[in-house]
Amino acid sequence: MKYIRAIEKDTEQIFDVVQKTIKNIYPKYYPKEVVDFFCDLHCKEKISEDMLWNDKV
């Protein structure tokens, strides 16, 4: 397995994967309010911020 560091241009793809995962898996275990919370928590802006923070590490 090869790991690569995500960069800003990857934000949209990462966002799509995260949102699809949350929307397809989480409802099996959590109520709608929790699913909505996690979708909001992992918005594009936060994903982008996380990638910028990782560049500093």
PDB file of N, CA and C in Angstrom:
ATOM      1  N   MET A   1       0.842  -1.166   0.000  1.00  0.00           N
ATOM      2  CA  MET A   1       0.000   0.000   0.000  1.00  0.00           C
ATOM      3  C   MET A   1       0.891   1.235   0.000  1.00  0.00           C
ATOM      4  N   LYS A   2       0.496   2.228  -0.753  1.00  0.00           N
ATOM      5  CA  LYS A   2       1.262   3.460  -0.836  1.00  0.00           C
ATOM      6  C   LYS A   2       0.412   4.615  -0.293  1.00  0.00           C
ATOM      7  N   TYR A   3       0.981   5.393   0.601  1.00  0.00           N
ATOM      8  CA  TYR A   3       0.306   6.561   1.155  1.00  0.00           C
ATOM      9  C   TYR A   3       0.864   7.821   0.510  1.00  0.00           C
ATOM     10  N   ILE A   4      -0.042   8.729   0.163  1.00  0.00           N
ATOM     11  CA  ILE A   4       0.381  10.025  -0.356  1.00  0.00           C
ATOM     12  C   ILE A   4      -0.329  11.115   0.440  1.00  0.00           C
ATOM     13  N   ARG A   5       0.312  12.247   0.563  1.00  0.00           N
ATOM     14  CA  ARG A   5      -0.271  13.367   1.302  1.00  0.00           C
ATOM     15  C   ARG A   5      -1.297  14.058   0.418  1.00  0.00           C
ATOM     16  N   ALA A   6      -2.469  14.296   0.964  1.00  0.00           N
ATOM     17  CA  ALA A   6      -3.516  15.011   0.229  1.00  0.00           C
ATOM     18  C   ALA A   6      -3.113  16.477   0.078  1.00  0.00           C
ATOM     19  N   ILE A   7      -3.470  17.038  -1.050  1.00  0.00           N
ATOM     20  CA  ILE A   7      -3.224  18.451  -1.291  1.00  0.00           C
ATOM     21  C   ILE A   7      -4.542  19.130  -1.616  1.00  0.00           C
ATOM     22  N   GLU A   8      -4.515  20.441  -1.665  1.00  0.00           N
ATOM     23  CA  GLU A   8      -5.752  21.223  -1.797  1.00  0.00           C
ATOM     24  C   GLU A   8      -6.618  20.778  -2.969  1.00  0.00           C
ATOM     25  N   LYS A   9      -6.012  20.418  -4.083  1.00  0.00           N
ATOM     26  CA  LYS A   9      -6.813  20.015  -5.239  1.00  0.00           C
ATOM     27  C   LYS A   9      -7.565  18.703  -4.998  1.00  0.00           C
ATOM     28  N   ASP A  10      -7.225  17.973  -3.946  1.00  0.00           N
ATOM     29  CA  ASP A  10      -7.890  16.717  -3.605  1.00  0.00           C
ATOM     30  C   ASP A  10      -9.126  16.915  -2.727  1.00  0.00           C
ATOM     31  N   THR A  11      -9.371  18.131  -2.307  1.00  0.00           N
ATOM     32  CA  THR A  11     -10.447  18.412  -1.353  1.00  0.00           C
ATOM     33  C   THR A  11     -11.792  17.870  -1.815  1.00  0.00           C
ATOM     34  N   GLU A  12     -12.155  18.122  -3.052  1.00  0.00           N
ATOM     35  CA  GLU A  12     -13.465  17.700  -3.562  1.00  0.00           C
ATOM     36  C   GLU A  12     -13.620  16.178  -3.514  1.00  0.00           C
ATOM     37  N   GLN A  13     -12.595  15.446  -3.923  1.00  0.00           N
ATOM     38  CA  GLN A  13     -12.659  13.987  -3.903  1.00  0.00           C
ATOM     39  C   GLN A  13     -12.753  13.450  -2.481  1.00  0.00           C
ATOM     40  N   ILE A  14     -11.972  14.012  -1.599  1.00  0.00           N
ATOM     41  CA  ILE A  14     -12.005  13.579  -0.202  1.00  0.00           C
ATOM     42  C   ILE A  14     -13.369  13.885   0.406  1.00  0.00           C
ATOM     43  N   PHE A  15     -13.870  15.073   0.149  1.00  0.00           N
ATOM     44  CA  PHE A  15     -15.189  15.454   0.644  1.00  0.00           C
ATOM     45  C   PHE A  15     -16.248  14.466   0.159  1.00  0.00           C
ATOM     46  N   ASP A  16     -16.221  14.136  -1.122  1.00  0.00           N
ATOM     47  CA  ASP A  16     -17.212  13.203  -1.678  1.00  0.00           C
ATOM     48  C   ASP A  16     -17.152  11.837  -1.000  1.00  0.00           C
ATOM     49  N   VAL A  17     -15.952  11.324  -0.809  1.00  0.00           N
ATOM     50  CA  VAL A  17     -15.804  10.012  -0.168  1.00  0.00           C
ATOM     51  C   VAL A  17     -16.312  10.056   1.272  1.00  0.00           C
ATOM     52  N   VAL A  18     -15.931  11.089   2.004  1.00  0.00           N
ATOM     53  CA  VAL A  18     -16.339  11.206   3.407  1.00  0.00           C
ATOM     54  C   VAL A  18     -17.859  11.342   3.519  1.00  0.00           C
ATOM     55  N   GLN A  19     -18.455  12.206   2.704  1.00  0.00           N
ATOM     56  CA  GLN A  19     -19.896  12.411   2.774  1.00  0.00           C
ATOM     57  C   GLN A  19     -20.663  11.149   2.373  1.00  0.00           C
ATOM     58  N   LYS A  20     -20.223  10.474   1.327  1.00  0.00           N
ATOM     59  CA  LYS A  20     -20.897   9.233   0.909  1.00  0.00           C
ATOM     60  C   LYS A  20     -20.808   8.180   2.004  1.00  0.00           C
ATOM     61  N   THR A  21     -19.656   8.088   2.630  1.00  0.00           N
ATOM     62  CA  THR A  21     -19.483   7.114   3.704  1.00  0.00           C
ATOM     63  C   THR A  21     -20.412   7.431   4.871  1.00  0.00           C
ATOM     64  N   ILE A  22     -20.428   8.672   5.287  1.00  0.00           N
ATOM     65  CA  ILE A  22     -21.290   9.071   6.409  1.00  0.00           C
ATOM     66  C   ILE A  22     -22.753   8.797   6.072  1.00  0.00           C
ATOM     67  N   LYS A  23     -23.179   9.203   4.890  1.00  0.00           N
ATOM     68  CA  LYS A  23     -24.601   9.084   4.517  1.00  0.00           C
ATOM     69  C   LYS A  23     -25.035   7.642   4.275  1.00  0.00           C
ATOM     70  N   ASN A  24     -24.111   6.773   3.909  1.00  0.00           N
ATOM     71  CA  ASN A  24     -24.477   5.383   3.638  1.00  0.00           C
ATOM     72  C   ASN A  24     -24.307   4.456   4.831  1.00  0.00           C
ATOM     73  N   ILE A  25     -23.337   4.739   5.687  1.00  0.00           N
ATOM     74  CA  ILE A  25     -23.030   3.835   6.796  1.00  0.00           C
ATOM     75  C   ILE A  25     -23.624   4.302   8.123  1.00  0.00           C
ATOM     76  N   TYR A  26     -23.441   5.562   8.438  1.00  0.00           N
ATOM     77  CA  TYR A  26     -23.859   6.068   9.744  1.00  0.00           C
ATOM     78  C   TYR A  26     -25.348   5.877  10.046  1.00  0.00           C
ATOM     79  N   PRO A  27     -26.248   6.033   9.069  1.00  0.00           N
ATOM     80  CA  PRO A  27     -27.673   5.855   9.390  1.00  0.00           C
ATOM     81  C   PRO A  27     -28.023   4.453   9.890  1.00  0.00           C
ATOM     82  N   LYS A  28     -27.160   3.486   9.638  1.00  0.00           N
ATOM     83  CA  LYS A  28     -27.406   2.131  10.134  1.00  0.00           C
ATOM     84  C   LYS A  28     -27.209   2.055  11.643  1.00  0.00           C
ATOM     85  N   TYR A  29     -26.477   3.038  12.194  1.00  0.00           N
ATOM     86  CA  TYR A  29     -26.116   2.982  13.607  1.00  0.00           C
ATOM     87  C   TYR A  29     -26.542   4.198  14.427  1.00  0.00           C
ATOM     88  N   TYR A  30     -26.819   5.313  13.745  1.00  0.00           N
ATOM     89  CA  TYR A  30     -27.086   6.561  14.453  1.00  0.00           C
ATOM     90  C   TYR A  30     -28.365   7.222  13.943  1.00  0.00           C
ATOM     91  N   PRO A  31     -29.020   8.014  14.785  1.00  0.00           N
ATOM     92  CA  PRO A  31     -30.190   8.769  14.332  1.00  0.00           C
ATOM     93  C   PRO A  31     -29.794   9.867  13.340  1.00  0.00           C
ATOM     94  N   LYS A  32     -30.760  10.362  12.603  1.00  0.00           N
ATOM     95  CA  LYS A  32     -30.543  11.364  11.566  1.00  0.00           C
ATOM     96  C   LYS A  32     -29.792  12.586  12.088  1.00  0.00           C
ATOM     97  N   GLU A  33     -30.106  13.033  13.283  1.00  0.00           N
ATOM     98  CA  GLU A  33     -29.446  14.208  13.849  1.00  0.00           C
ATOM     99  C   GLU A  33     -27.934  14.013  13.985  1.00  0.00           C
ATOM    100  N   VAL A  34     -27.544  12.819  14.350  1.00  0.00           N
ATOM    101  CA  VAL A  34     -26.119  12.511  14.496  1.00  0.00           C
ATOM    102  C   VAL A  34     -25.454  12.467  13.115  1.00  0.00           C
ATOM    103  N   VAL A  35     -26.131  11.854  12.156  1.00  0.00           N
ATOM    104  CA  VAL A  35     -25.605  11.794  10.787  1.00  0.00           C
ATOM    105  C   VAL A  35     -25.426  13.214  10.249  1.00  0.00           C
ATOM    106  N   ASP A  36     -26.427  14.065  10.446  1.00  0.00           N
ATOM    107  CA  ASP A  36     -26.339  15.457  10.000  1.00  0.00           C
ATOM    108  C   ASP A  36     -25.179  16.184  10.683  1.00  0.00           C
ATOM    109  N   PHE A  37     -25.008  15.932  11.968  1.00  0.00           N
ATOM    110  CA  PHE A  37     -23.900  16.547  12.708  1.00  0.00           C
ATOM    111  C   PHE A  37     -22.560  16.190  12.075  1.00  0.00           C
ATOM    112  N   PHE A  38     -22.364  14.891  11.773  1.00  0.00           N
ATOM    113  CA  PHE A  38     -21.093  14.470  11.199  1.00  0.00           C
ATOM    114  C   PHE A  38     -20.907  14.980   9.778  1.00  0.00           C
ATOM    115  N   CYS A  39     -21.985  15.085   9.020  1.00  0.00           N
ATOM    116  CA  CYS A  39     -21.880  15.677   7.682  1.00  0.00           C
ATOM    117  C   CYS A  39     -21.425  17.127   7.794  1.00  0.00           C
ATOM    118  N   ASP A  40     -21.991  17.850   8.736  1.00  0.00           N
ATOM    119  CA  ASP A  40     -21.586  19.250   8.943  1.00  0.00           C
ATOM    120  C   ASP A  40     -20.155  19.339   9.472  1.00  0.00           C
ATOM    121  N   LEU A  41     -19.808  18.440  10.368  1.00  0.00           N
ATOM    122  CA  LEU A  41     -18.475  18.440  10.950  1.00  0.00           C
ATOM    123  C   LEU A  41     -17.401  18.225   9.889  1.00  0.00           C
ATOM    124  N   HIS A  42     -17.716  17.410   8.895  1.00  0.00           N
ATOM    125  CA  HIS A  42     -16.751  17.082   7.847  1.00  0.00           C
ATOM    126  C   HIS A  42     -17.119  17.777   6.532  1.00  0.00           C
ATOM    127  N   CYS A  43     -17.351  19.078   6.626  1.00  0.00           N
ATOM    128  CA  CYS A  43     -17.663  19.877   5.440  1.00  0.00           C
ATOM    129  C   CYS A  43     -16.384  20.153   4.654  1.00  0.00           C
ATOM    130  N   LYS A  44     -16.523  20.667   3.443  1.00  0.00           N
ATOM    131  CA  LYS A  44     -15.346  20.954   2.596  1.00  0.00           C
ATOM    132  C   LYS A  44     -14.368  21.892   3.285  1.00  0.00           C
ATOM    133  N   GLU A  45     -14.899  22.899   3.946  1.00  0.00           N
ATOM    134  CA  GLU A  45     -14.030  23.882   4.586  1.00  0.00           C
ATOM    135  C   GLU A  45     -13.160  23.241   5.665  1.00  0.00           C
ATOM    136  N   LYS A  46     -13.746  22.367   6.462  1.00  0.00           N
ATOM    137  CA  LYS A  46     -12.981  21.717   7.539  1.00  0.00           C
ATOM    138  C   LYS A  46     -11.961  20.733   6.975  1.00  0.00           C
ATOM    139  N   ILE A  47     -12.339  20.028   5.920  1.00  0.00           N
ATOM    140  CA  ILE A  47     -11.399  19.108   5.284  1.00  0.00           C
ATOM    141  C   ILE A  47     -10.213  19.894   4.740  1.00  0.00           C
ATOM    142  N   SER A  48     -10.498  21.012   4.092  1.00  0.00           N
ATOM    143  CA  SER A  48      -9.448  21.864   3.544  1.00  0.00           C
ATOM    144  C   SER A  48      -8.545  22.395   4.657  1.00  0.00           C
ATOM    145  N   GLU A  49      -9.145  22.830   5.765  1.00  0.00           N
ATOM    146  CA  GLU A  49      -8.368  23.314   6.910  1.00  0.00           C
ATOM    147  C   GLU A  49      -7.460  22.214   7.456  1.00  0.00           C
ATOM    148  N   ASP A  50      -7.984  20.994   7.521  1.00  0.00           N
ATOM    149  CA  ASP A  50      -7.185  19.877   8.013  1.00  0.00           C
ATOM    150  C   ASP A  50      -5.985  19.623   7.127  1.00  0.00           C
ATOM    151  N   MET A  51      -6.174  19.729   5.835  1.00  0.00           N
ATOM    152  CA  MET A  51      -5.038  19.517   4.919  1.00  0.00           C
ATOM    153  C   MET A  51      -4.007  20.624   5.090  1.00  0.00           C
ATOM    154  N   LEU A  52      -4.434  21.838   5.294  1.00  0.00           N
ATOM    155  CA  LEU A  52      -3.492  22.935   5.523  1.00  0.00           C
ATOM    156  C   LEU A  52      -2.742  22.732   6.829  1.00  0.00           C
ATOM    157  N   TRP A  53      -3.442  22.276   7.871  1.00  0.00           N
ATOM    158  CA  TRP A  53      -2.803  22.002   9.156  1.00  0.00           C
ATOM    159  C   TRP A  53      -1.760  20.895   9.010  1.00  0.00           C
ATOM    160  N   ASN A  54      -2.082  19.866   8.212  1.00  0.00           N
ATOM    161  CA  ASN A  54      -1.141  18.757   8.012  1.00  0.00           C
ATOM    162  C   ASN A  54       0.126  19.215   7.312  1.00  0.00           C
ATOM    163  N   ASP A  55       0.032  20.257   6.497  1.00  0.00           N
ATOM    164  CA  ASP A  55       1.220  20.773   5.828  1.00  0.00           C
ATOM    165  C   ASP A  55       2.203  21.384   6.824  1.00  0.00           C
ATOM    166  N   LYS A  56       1.687  21.809   7.968  1.00  0.00           N
ATOM    167  CA  LYS A  56       2.532  22.451   8.972  1.00  0.00           C
ATOM    168  C   LYS A  56       3.199  21.437   9.888  1.00  0.00           C
ATOM    169  N   VAL A  57       2.707  20.218   9.872  1.00  0.00           N
ATOM    170  CA  VAL A  57       3.223  19.179  10.760  1.00  0.00           C
ATOM    171  C   VAL A  57       4.436  18.526  10.150  1.00  0.00           C
TER     172      VAL A  57
END
